[in-house]
């Protein structure tokens, strides 16, 4: 970005359109599913300040979750200043966390390994009992205290409508039950959904969202929209629109540091093979268990290739403990093998630190979706490493389908060439500005719908 160009955070707030947009073709953020059309709600006149709770996993060690939560908090609060000045927007973490975790050794990797070693039936039983106890004994009180004095609830954003051993189905069902007891209006915004739900998970999601009767429902990509349509609508849940991911607003709510004056910096985001294996939903999911040695070798090759392409390289993670442990174990060998300017970043304490690093780069190479989304928001070219269909969905939305590849087919020379091409081509700035404006407009529409759905005594006109 040259000094003469306006920063993306200076874009004006896009105003809601007078009617929902609809199309018989592919939907974009802000559009209803094809064939549906309903008038946009008019927000009430400015009234007393409100308290709006977001249900998400803001304080996950994966700082991508914190990034999108902070962006949604900030943008929804900003939008509500024209509806009810002084409105407070805050997050209730669905795992019961109250702050970003300290950077310290974690038992998470050992726990995932132990779960993977169990037969599927035993794993479901063990996790089911643990989750039942957690939801009943801890999370119920945590959510109930957080919702005290609230006027509305938003479920989002993040990859929440997924079912890994009933984790999110049980937590979301319990949290929405608390909101129902308080008769709070509910909206769903910017969530991801997949189809790998157990029968029990499908019933839990369906009952919880059906009872909530969302005043507004929007998911972040077409695959999530199709999963919602096929798995939830038959259970009586309203259809979902498409919306922009809140992380696209990173450049609107986080400052960009000064760019370095020496060789361009490429951020190589390190993701542990264990994380790829446990969470992957794409075509690599079935073979990732045997790919540890290949991934070890690939990251070393990638660092050397980026050096050969003229970059300084910084190895970093989004914060997940298994990723940090993997980088700590393998990073020194990758640095020695690269024979050039390669460093390891210190772990980030919070999303602001992570964004400060990402925004100082000229290229990001990553499996992690929100590392790519944050970089794209700042108009930084990205190369995605395919592992989960959600990443394909984002790169398609961003118009960067030529810059996502499997590590198995992206050798050193190919990566070096793709990196040079990505930086030379840059980011389509008008398209990016449209994505950001569309996301702001989506959140404004949700705010208007939510304000209208608030209880009459709390939605004073």
Protein backbone atom coordinates (compact mmCIF):
# COMPACT_ATOMS: atom_id res chain seq x y z
CA UNK A 1 0.00 0.00 0.00
CA UNK A 2 1.47 3.39 -0.98
CA UNK A 3 1.14 6.41 1.34
CA UNK A 4 -1.28 8.07 -1.09
CA UNK A 5 -3.79 5.23 -0.96
CA UNK A 6 -6.62 5.38 1.58
CA UNK A 7 -6.45 2.78 4.34
CA UNK A 8 -9.25 0.24 4.19
CA UNK A 9 -10.33 1.24 7.70
CA UNK A 10 -11.35 4.61 6.26
CA UNK A 11 -14.10 3.09 4.17
CA UNK A 12 -17.54 4.47 5.06
CA UNK A 13 -20.07 2.23 6.76
CA UNK A 14 -22.21 0.61 4.10
CA UNK A 15 -25.88 1.23 4.84
CA UNK A 16 -28.48 -1.54 4.75
CA UNK A 17 -30.38 -1.81 1.51
CA UNK A 18 -34.13 -1.30 1.54
CA UNK A 19 -34.82 -4.94 0.78
CA UNK A 20 -33.06 -8.24 1.06
CA UNK A 21 -31.12 -8.97 -2.10
CA UNK A 22 -31.95 -12.20 -3.88
CA UNK A 23 -30.62 -13.93 -6.93
CA UNK A 24 -31.17 -17.10 -8.87
CA UNK A 25 -27.39 -17.37 -9.24
CA UNK A 26 -24.70 -17.85 -6.60
CA UNK A 27 -25.38 -15.85 -3.44
CA UNK A 28 -23.03 -13.21 -2.11
CA UNK A 29 -22.75 -11.83 1.42
CA UNK A 30 -26.02 -10.06 2.18
CA UNK A 31 -28.16 -12.17 -0.14
CA UNK A 32 -31.00 -14.44 0.81
CA UNK A 33 -31.07 -18.02 -0.44
CA UNK A 34 -32.29 -18.09 -4.03
CA UNK A 35 -36.04 -17.66 -4.30
CA UNK A 36 -36.52 -15.95 -0.95
CA UNK A 37 -37.23 -12.26 -0.55
CA UNK A 38 -38.40 -10.40 2.51
CA UNK A 39 -38.31 -6.74 3.47
CA UNK A 40 -35.43 -5.49 5.55
CA UNK A 41 -36.49 -4.43 9.03
CA UNK A 42 -36.29 -0.79 10.00
CA UNK A 43 -34.30 -0.24 13.19
CA UNK A 44 -36.11 1.51 16.03
CA UNK A 45 -35.31 5.13 16.79
CA UNK A 46 -32.37 5.67 19.15
CA UNK A 47 -33.22 4.29 22.58
CA UNK A 48 -31.56 3.36 25.82
CA UNK A 49 -28.24 1.50 25.77
CA UNK A 50 -28.46 -2.25 25.36
CA UNK A 51 -26.27 -5.18 26.35
CA UNK A 52 -25.71 -7.73 23.61
CA UNK A 53 -23.89 -11.00 24.27
CA UNK A 54 -22.03 -12.92 21.59
CA UNK A 55 -21.76 -16.69 22.03
CA UNK A 56 -18.47 -17.88 20.55
CA UNK A 57 -15.05 -19.21 21.52
CA UNK A 58 -13.32 -15.84 21.72
CA UNK A 59 -10.69 -16.94 24.23
CA UNK A 60 -9.62 -20.08 22.42
CA UNK A 61 -5.84 -20.46 22.23
CA UNK A 62 -6.33 -20.27 18.45
CA UNK A 63 -6.24 -16.48 18.18
CA UNK A 64 -8.17 -16.58 14.91
CA UNK A 65 -11.28 -17.11 17.04
CA UNK A 66 -10.42 -14.08 19.14
CA UNK A 67 -9.77 -12.02 16.02
CA UNK A 68 -13.19 -12.60 14.49
CA UNK A 69 -14.90 -12.18 17.89
CA UNK A 70 -13.21 -8.82 18.50
CA UNK A 71 -14.08 -7.65 15.00
CA UNK A 72 -17.75 -8.61 15.42
CA UNK A 73 -17.90 -7.00 18.87
CA UNK A 74 -16.42 -3.75 17.57
CA UNK A 75 -18.51 -3.55 14.41
CA UNK A 76 -21.80 -4.45 16.08
CA UNK A 77 -21.16 -1.89 18.83
CA UNK A 78 -20.28 0.69 16.18
CA UNK A 79 -23.46 -0.05 14.25
CA UNK A 80 -25.65 0.07 17.36
CA UNK A 81 -24.52 3.60 18.19
CA UNK A 82 -27.14 4.83 15.68
CA UNK A 83 -29.77 2.52 17.20
CA UNK A 84 -29.07 2.76 20.92
CA UNK A 85 -26.01 4.90 21.79
CA UNK A 86 -23.92 3.42 24.55
CA UNK A 87 -24.79 -0.18 23.71
CA UNK A 88 -22.28 -2.71 25.04
CA UNK A 89 -21.32 -5.79 23.03
CA UNK A 90 -19.26 -8.54 24.68
CA UNK A 91 -18.51 -12.22 24.27
CA UNK A 92 -19.40 -15.23 26.39
CA UNK A 93 -16.90 -18.00 25.65
CA UNK A 94 -18.67 -21.32 25.12
CA UNK A 95 -15.82 -23.17 26.86
CA UNK A 96 -16.13 -21.07 30.00
CA UNK A 97 -12.92 -19.08 29.48
CA UNK A 98 -12.79 -15.45 30.62
CA UNK A 99 -9.50 -14.21 29.13
CA UNK A 100 -6.88 -15.14 26.58
CA UNK A 101 -4.88 -18.08 27.92
CA UNK A 102 -1.39 -17.61 29.23
CA UNK A 103 1.38 -18.80 26.92
CA UNK A 104 2.35 -21.95 28.77
CA UNK A 105 2.65 -25.70 28.22
CA UNK A 106 -0.70 -27.30 27.47
CA UNK A 107 -2.18 -30.77 27.83
CA UNK A 108 -4.32 -30.26 24.70
CA UNK A 109 -2.04 -32.22 22.34
CA UNK A 110 -1.85 -35.12 24.77
CA UNK A 111 -5.63 -35.06 25.17
CA UNK A 112 -6.22 -35.12 21.41
CA UNK A 113 -3.74 -37.97 21.03
CA UNK A 114 -5.47 -39.92 23.81
CA UNK A 115 -8.88 -39.40 22.22
CA UNK A 116 -7.61 -40.49 18.82
CA UNK A 117 -6.24 -43.71 20.36
CA UNK A 118 -9.68 -44.71 21.65
CA UNK A 119 -12.15 -46.73 19.57
CA UNK A 120 -14.81 -44.42 18.12
CA UNK A 121 -17.56 -45.65 20.44
CA UNK A 122 -15.38 -45.30 23.55
CA UNK A 123 -14.26 -41.83 22.47
CA UNK A 124 -17.86 -40.69 21.99
CA UNK A 125 -18.81 -42.07 25.42
CA UNK A 126 -15.84 -40.45 27.19
CA UNK A 127 -16.25 -37.06 25.58
CA UNK A 128 -20.03 -37.18 25.97
CA UNK A 129 -19.80 -37.75 29.72
CA UNK A 130 -17.14 -35.07 30.13
CA UNK A 131 -19.15 -32.55 28.10
CA UNK A 132 -22.37 -33.35 29.95
CA UNK A 133 -20.64 -32.66 33.25
CA UNK A 134 -19.01 -29.48 31.90
CA UNK A 135 -22.26 -28.09 30.49
CA UNK A 136 -24.32 -28.93 33.57
CA UNK A 137 -21.85 -28.05 36.29
CA UNK A 138 -19.82 -25.15 34.86
CA UNK A 139 -21.03 -23.73 31.58
CA UNK A 140 -24.63 -23.33 32.71
CA UNK A 141 -23.59 -20.96 35.51
CA UNK A 142 -21.04 -19.25 33.27
CA UNK A 143 -23.59 -18.47 30.54
CA UNK A 144 -26.35 -17.60 33.02
CA UNK A 145 -24.13 -15.02 34.74
CA UNK A 146 -23.02 -13.61 31.39
CA UNK A 147 -26.59 -13.18 30.15
CA UNK A 148 -27.79 -11.38 33.27
CA UNK A 149 -29.08 -7.98 32.22
CA UNK A 150 -28.70 -8.70 28.50
CA UNK A 151 -31.15 -7.65 25.84
CA UNK A 152 -30.14 -9.98 23.00
CA UNK A 153 -27.83 -12.81 22.00
CA UNK A 154 -25.80 -13.43 18.83
CA UNK A 155 -24.35 -16.85 18.04
CA UNK A 156 -21.19 -16.19 16.06
CA UNK A 157 -18.86 -16.13 14.42
CA UNK A 158 -16.51 -19.01 13.83
CA UNK A 159 -16.74 -22.62 12.77
CA UNK A 160 -19.38 -23.37 15.42
CA UNK A 161 -21.86 -25.62 13.62
CA UNK A 162 -19.54 -28.60 13.59
CA UNK A 163 -19.67 -31.83 15.55
CA UNK A 164 -16.38 -33.17 16.91
CA UNK A 165 -17.52 -35.65 19.56
CA UNK A 166 -20.63 -33.51 20.29
CA UNK A 167 -18.50 -30.59 21.51
CA UNK A 168 -20.37 -27.68 19.93
CA UNK A 169 -23.81 -29.34 19.74
CA UNK A 170 -23.89 -29.74 23.53
CA UNK A 171 -22.35 -26.36 24.35
CA UNK A 172 -24.54 -24.39 21.92
CA UNK A 173 -27.66 -26.27 22.96
CA UNK A 174 -26.99 -25.49 26.62
CA UNK A 175 -26.21 -21.82 25.96
CA UNK A 176 -29.29 -21.23 23.80
CA UNK A 177 -31.44 -22.94 26.42
CA UNK A 178 -30.27 -20.30 28.92
CA UNK A 179 -31.16 -17.54 26.43
CA UNK A 180 -34.60 -19.12 25.89
CA UNK A 181 -35.29 -19.12 29.62
CA UNK A 182 -34.67 -15.37 29.64
CA UNK A 183 -36.77 -14.91 26.47
CA UNK A 184 -33.92 -13.13 24.75
CA UNK A 185 -34.01 -12.58 20.98
CA UNK A 186 -31.33 -14.50 19.14
CA UNK A 187 -29.43 -13.92 15.90
CA UNK A 188 -26.87 -16.13 14.16
CA UNK A 189 -24.05 -14.43 12.28
CA UNK A 190 -21.07 -15.48 10.23
CA UNK A 191 -20.83 -19.07 11.45
CA UNK A 192 -19.35 -21.97 9.53
CA UNK A 193 -21.15 -25.31 9.23
CA UNK A 194 -20.17 -28.68 7.88
CA UNK A 195 -22.14 -31.88 7.28
CA UNK A 196 -20.17 -34.25 9.50
CA UNK A 197 -22.78 -34.27 12.28
CA UNK A 198 -23.76 -37.30 14.32
CA UNK A 199 -27.47 -38.04 14.64
CA UNK A 200 -27.35 -36.75 18.21
CA UNK A 201 -25.50 -33.60 17.12
CA UNK A 202 -28.04 -32.91 14.37
CA UNK A 203 -30.91 -33.22 16.84
CA UNK A 204 -29.22 -30.97 19.40
CA UNK A 205 -28.49 -28.25 16.85
CA UNK A 206 -31.98 -28.54 15.35
CA UNK A 207 -33.85 -28.36 18.65
CA UNK A 208 -31.74 -25.48 19.98
CA UNK A 209 -31.96 -23.31 16.86
CA UNK A 210 -35.57 -24.22 16.20
CA UNK A 211 -36.56 -23.12 19.70
CA UNK A 212 -34.47 -19.95 19.41
CA UNK A 213 -36.37 -18.80 16.29
CA UNK A 214 -33.52 -16.54 15.15
CA UNK A 215 -34.47 -13.01 14.22
CA UNK A 216 -31.62 -13.16 11.70
CA UNK A 217 -29.56 -16.10 10.50
CA UNK A 218 -26.51 -15.87 8.27
CA UNK A 219 -23.58 -18.19 7.58
CA UNK A 220 -20.22 -17.34 6.09
CA UNK A 221 -20.06 -19.38 2.86
CA UNK A 222 -22.15 -21.32 0.37
CA UNK A 223 -21.11 -24.73 1.72
CA UNK A 224 -22.28 -23.73 5.20
CA UNK A 225 -25.51 -22.40 3.73
CA UNK A 226 -26.15 -25.70 1.95
CA UNK A 227 -25.43 -27.68 5.14
CA UNK A 228 -27.83 -25.45 7.10
CA UNK A 229 -30.49 -25.87 4.43
CA UNK A 230 -30.19 -29.66 4.31
CA UNK A 231 -29.68 -30.41 8.01
CA UNK A 232 -31.55 -27.68 9.88
CA UNK A 233 -34.36 -26.35 7.70
CA UNK A 234 -36.10 -29.78 7.63
CA UNK A 235 -36.18 -29.54 11.45
CA UNK A 236 -38.10 -26.26 11.29
CA UNK A 237 -35.18 -23.84 11.49
CA UNK A 238 -35.44 -20.74 9.29
CA UNK A 239 -33.22 -20.56 6.17
CA UNK A 240 -29.87 -18.80 6.49
CA UNK A 241 -28.53 -15.95 4.41
CA UNK A 242 -24.89 -15.50 3.47
CA UNK A 243 -22.70 -12.99 5.29
CA UNK A 244 -19.13 -11.80 5.30
CA UNK A 245 -16.77 -13.27 7.87
CA UNK A 246 -16.17 -10.73 10.68
CA UNK A 247 -12.42 -11.24 10.29
CA UNK A 248 -12.63 -9.36 7.00
CA UNK A 249 -12.96 -6.22 9.13
CA UNK A 250 -9.55 -6.65 10.76
CA UNK A 251 -8.17 -3.64 8.88
CA UNK A 252 -11.10 -1.55 10.11
CA UNK A 253 -10.53 -2.26 13.80
CA UNK A 254 -6.79 -2.93 14.15
CA UNK A 255 -3.99 -0.53 13.14
CA UNK A 256 -1.41 -1.41 10.53
CA UNK A 257 2.21 -1.04 11.68
CA UNK A 258 4.80 0.68 9.48
CA UNK A 259 6.05 -1.60 6.74
CA UNK A 260 9.71 -2.67 6.89
CA UNK A 261 12.19 -1.04 4.52
CA UNK A 262 14.42 -4.06 3.94
CA UNK A 263 13.67 -7.29 2.05
CA UNK A 264 9.97 -8.23 1.93
CA UNK A 265 8.74 -10.40 4.79
CA UNK A 266 6.81 -13.65 4.23
CA UNK A 267 4.91 -15.10 7.16
CA UNK A 268 4.84 -18.92 7.05
CA UNK A 269 2.08 -20.08 9.40
CA UNK A 270 2.87 -23.44 11.01
CA UNK A 271 0.04 -25.89 11.72
CA UNK A 272 0.64 -29.16 13.54
CA UNK A 273 -0.11 -32.41 11.70
CA UNK A 274 -2.25 -33.43 14.69
CA UNK A 275 -4.52 -30.40 14.21
CA UNK A 276 -4.85 -31.07 10.49
CA UNK A 277 -5.71 -34.70 11.19
CA UNK A 278 -8.26 -34.04 13.95
CA UNK A 279 -10.16 -31.17 12.35
CA UNK A 280 -9.76 -31.60 8.58
CA UNK A 281 -12.87 -32.07 6.45
CA UNK A 282 -11.37 -31.82 2.99
CA UNK A 283 -9.95 -34.50 0.73
CA UNK A 284 -6.75 -34.74 2.77
CA UNK A 285 -8.58 -35.73 5.95
CA UNK A 286 -8.26 -39.47 5.34
CA UNK A 287 -4.53 -39.47 4.59
CA UNK A 288 -3.22 -36.82 7.00
CA UNK A 289 -2.52 -39.39 9.72
CA UNK A 290 0.39 -40.72 7.65
CA UNK A 291 1.65 -37.31 6.57
CA UNK A 292 3.75 -36.15 9.55
CA UNK A 293 7.11 -36.85 7.89
CA UNK A 294 5.95 -35.32 4.62
CA UNK A 295 4.74 -32.16 6.38
CA UNK A 296 7.97 -31.89 8.37
CA UNK A 297 9.91 -31.98 5.11
CA UNK A 298 7.52 -29.62 3.32
CA UNK A 299 7.82 -26.81 5.84
CA UNK A 300 11.61 -26.99 5.60
CA UNK A 301 11.42 -26.92 1.82
CA UNK A 302 8.93 -24.03 1.93
CA UNK A 303 11.16 -21.88 4.12
CA UNK A 304 14.11 -22.44 1.79
CA UNK A 305 11.97 -21.73 -1.29
CA UNK A 306 10.71 -18.44 0.10
CA UNK A 307 14.28 -17.40 0.92
CA UNK A 308 15.30 -18.30 -2.64
CA UNK A 309 12.40 -16.15 -3.89
CA UNK A 310 13.90 -13.12 -2.14
CA UNK A 311 11.92 -13.03 1.11
CA UNK A 312 12.87 -12.82 4.71
CA UNK A 313 10.78 -15.54 6.37
CA UNK A 314 9.12 -15.54 9.79
CA UNK A 315 7.67 -18.78 11.14
CA UNK A 316 4.59 -18.17 13.30
CA UNK A 317 1.43 -19.84 14.60
CA UNK A 318 -2.13 -18.77 15.34
CA UNK A 319 -1.54 -19.77 18.95
CA UNK A 320 -2.94 -23.29 19.28
CA UNK A 321 -0.73 -25.18 21.75
CA UNK A 322 -0.13 -28.10 19.39
CA UNK A 323 1.02 -25.65 16.70
CA UNK A 324 3.35 -23.87 19.12
CA UNK A 325 4.82 -27.18 20.27
CA UNK A 326 5.34 -28.31 16.68
CA UNK A 327 7.11 -25.07 15.75
CA UNK A 328 9.29 -25.20 18.87
CA UNK A 329 10.32 -28.77 18.05
CA UNK A 330 10.91 -28.38 14.32
CA UNK A 331 11.66 -24.69 13.80
CA UNK A 332 15.40 -24.80 14.55
CA UNK A 333 15.95 -27.55 11.97
CA UNK A 334 13.93 -25.66 9.35
CA UNK A 335 15.95 -22.50 10.03
CA UNK A 336 19.26 -24.35 9.66
CA UNK A 337 18.11 -25.97 6.43
CA UNK A 338 16.89 -22.72 4.87
CA UNK A 339 20.39 -21.17 4.86
CA UNK A 340 18.98 -17.67 4.86
CA UNK A 341 17.04 -15.04 6.83
CA UNK A 342 14.48 -17.25 8.62
CA UNK A 343 13.31 -16.55 12.16
CA UNK A 344 10.72 -17.85 14.63
CA UNK A 345 8.27 -15.33 16.06
CA UNK A 346 7.52 -15.27 19.77
CA UNK A 347 4.04 -16.57 20.64
CA UNK A 348 1.34 -13.91 20.45
CA UNK A 349 -0.53 -13.03 23.65
CA UNK A 350 -3.73 -11.86 21.95
CA UNK A 351 -5.23 -11.11 18.52
CA UNK A 352 -3.80 -7.59 18.46
CA UNK A 353 -0.26 -8.95 18.61
CA UNK A 354 -1.01 -11.50 15.88
CA UNK A 355 -2.57 -8.84 13.64
CA UNK A 356 0.38 -6.53 14.23
CA UNK A 357 2.67 -9.24 12.88
CA UNK A 358 0.48 -10.31 9.94
CA UNK A 359 -0.04 -6.70 8.86
CA UNK A 360 3.75 -6.19 8.73
CA UNK A 361 4.18 -8.96 6.14
CA UNK A 362 4.09 -8.74 2.35
CA UNK A 363 2.96 -12.37 1.95
CA UNK A 364 1.22 -14.95 4.15
CA UNK A 365 1.36 -18.70 3.49
CA UNK A 366 -0.99 -20.66 5.75
CA UNK A 367 -3.39 -23.51 6.41
CA UNK A 368 -5.16 -21.42 9.08
CA UNK A 369 -8.11 -19.59 7.56
CA UNK A 370 -8.09 -16.52 9.78
CA UNK A 371 -4.41 -15.89 9.18
CA UNK A 372 -5.39 -15.66 5.51
CA UNK A 373 -8.55 -13.61 6.18
CA UNK A 374 -6.68 -11.09 8.34
CA UNK A 375 -3.95 -10.71 5.72
CA UNK A 376 -6.53 -10.29 2.96
CA UNK A 377 -8.28 -7.55 4.94
CA UNK A 378 -5.01 -5.58 4.88
CA UNK A 379 -4.61 -6.27 1.13
CA UNK A 380 -1.66 -8.61 1.77
CA UNK A 381 -1.37 -11.45 -0.79
CA UNK A 382 -1.98 -14.92 0.60
CA UNK A 383 -1.25 -18.49 -0.43
CA UNK A 384 -3.60 -21.01 1.14
CA UNK A 385 -2.56 -24.56 2.00
CA UNK A 386 -5.55 -26.79 1.36
CA UNK A 387 -6.81 -28.94 4.26
CA UNK A 388 -10.43 -28.02 5.02
CA UNK A 389 -13.22 -27.02 2.66
CA UNK A 390 -13.75 -23.81 4.63
CA UNK A 391 -10.41 -22.52 3.30
CA UNK A 392 -11.42 -23.32 -0.28
CA UNK A 393 -14.68 -21.44 0.35
CA UNK A 394 -12.86 -18.34 1.53
CA UNK A 395 -10.34 -18.31 -1.32
CA UNK A 396 -13.21 -18.67 -3.81
CA UNK A 397 -15.08 -15.78 -2.17
CA UNK A 398 -11.93 -13.63 -2.20
CA UNK A 399 -11.28 -14.39 -5.87
CA UNK A 400 -7.99 -16.10 -5.03
CA UNK A 401 -8.73 -19.60 -6.29
CA UNK A 402 -5.40 -19.67 -8.13
CA UNK A 403 -3.52 -19.21 -4.86
CA UNK A 404 -4.59 -22.28 -2.88
CA UNK A 405 -2.83 -25.61 -3.27
CA UNK A 406 -2.14 -28.94 -1.59
CA UNK A 407 1.30 -29.18 0.01
CA UNK A 408 1.75 -32.53 -1.76
CA UNK A 409 1.69 -30.78 -5.14
CA UNK A 410 3.44 -27.55 -4.10
CA UNK A 411 7.17 -28.26 -4.20
CA UNK A 412 9.86 -25.70 -3.54
CA UNK A 413 10.19 -24.28 -7.09
CA UNK A 414 6.39 -24.15 -7.49
CA UNK A 415 5.98 -22.31 -4.18
CA UNK A 416 8.72 -19.82 -5.04
CA UNK A 417 7.09 -19.09 -8.40
CA UNK A 418 3.61 -18.79 -6.84
CA UNK A 419 4.94 -16.46 -4.13
CA UNK A 420 6.55 -14.15 -6.71
CA UNK A 421 3.35 -14.21 -8.76
CA UNK A 422 1.14 -13.46 -5.75
CA UNK A 423 3.19 -10.44 -4.68
CA UNK A 424 3.49 -9.11 -8.24
CA UNK A 425 -0.27 -9.41 -8.83
CA UNK A 426 -1.23 -8.02 -5.43
CA UNK A 427 -4.82 -8.04 -4.22
CA UNK A 428 -7.82 -6.89 -6.24
CA UNK A 429 -8.49 -3.77 -4.19
CA UNK A 430 -11.96 -2.86 -5.54
CA UNK A 431 -13.14 -6.42 -4.90
CA UNK A 432 -11.68 -6.34 -1.39
CA UNK A 433 -13.30 -3.01 -0.63
CA UNK A 434 -16.62 -4.46 -1.81
CA UNK A 435 -16.17 -7.46 0.51
CA UNK A 436 -15.46 -5.20 3.48
CA UNK A 437 -18.35 -2.86 2.70
CA UNK A 438 -20.65 -5.85 2.19
CA UNK A 439 -19.65 -7.34 5.55
CA UNK A 440 -20.34 -4.05 7.31
CA UNK A 441 -23.70 -3.88 5.58
CA UNK A 442 -24.49 -7.47 6.63
CA UNK A 443 -23.79 -6.64 10.28
CA UNK A 444 -25.91 -3.48 10.01
CA UNK A 445 -28.82 -5.56 8.71
CA UNK A 446 -28.42 -8.03 11.55
CA UNK A 447 -28.35 -5.17 14.06
CA UNK A 448 -31.57 -3.72 12.66
CA UNK A 449 -33.31 -7.10 12.73
CA UNK A 450 -32.10 -7.80 16.26
CA UNK A 451 -33.19 -4.38 17.55
CA UNK A 452 -36.69 -4.93 16.16
CA UNK A 453 -36.90 -8.36 17.80
CA UNK A 454 -35.98 -7.15 21.28
CA UNK A 455 -38.67 -7.32 23.93
CA UNK A 456 -40.94 -4.28 23.69
CA UNK A 457 -39.89 -2.90 27.06
CA UNK A 458 -36.24 -3.16 26.01
CA UNK A 459 -36.63 -1.82 22.47
CA UNK A 460 -37.95 1.61 23.26
CA UNK A 461 -38.51 3.64 20.16
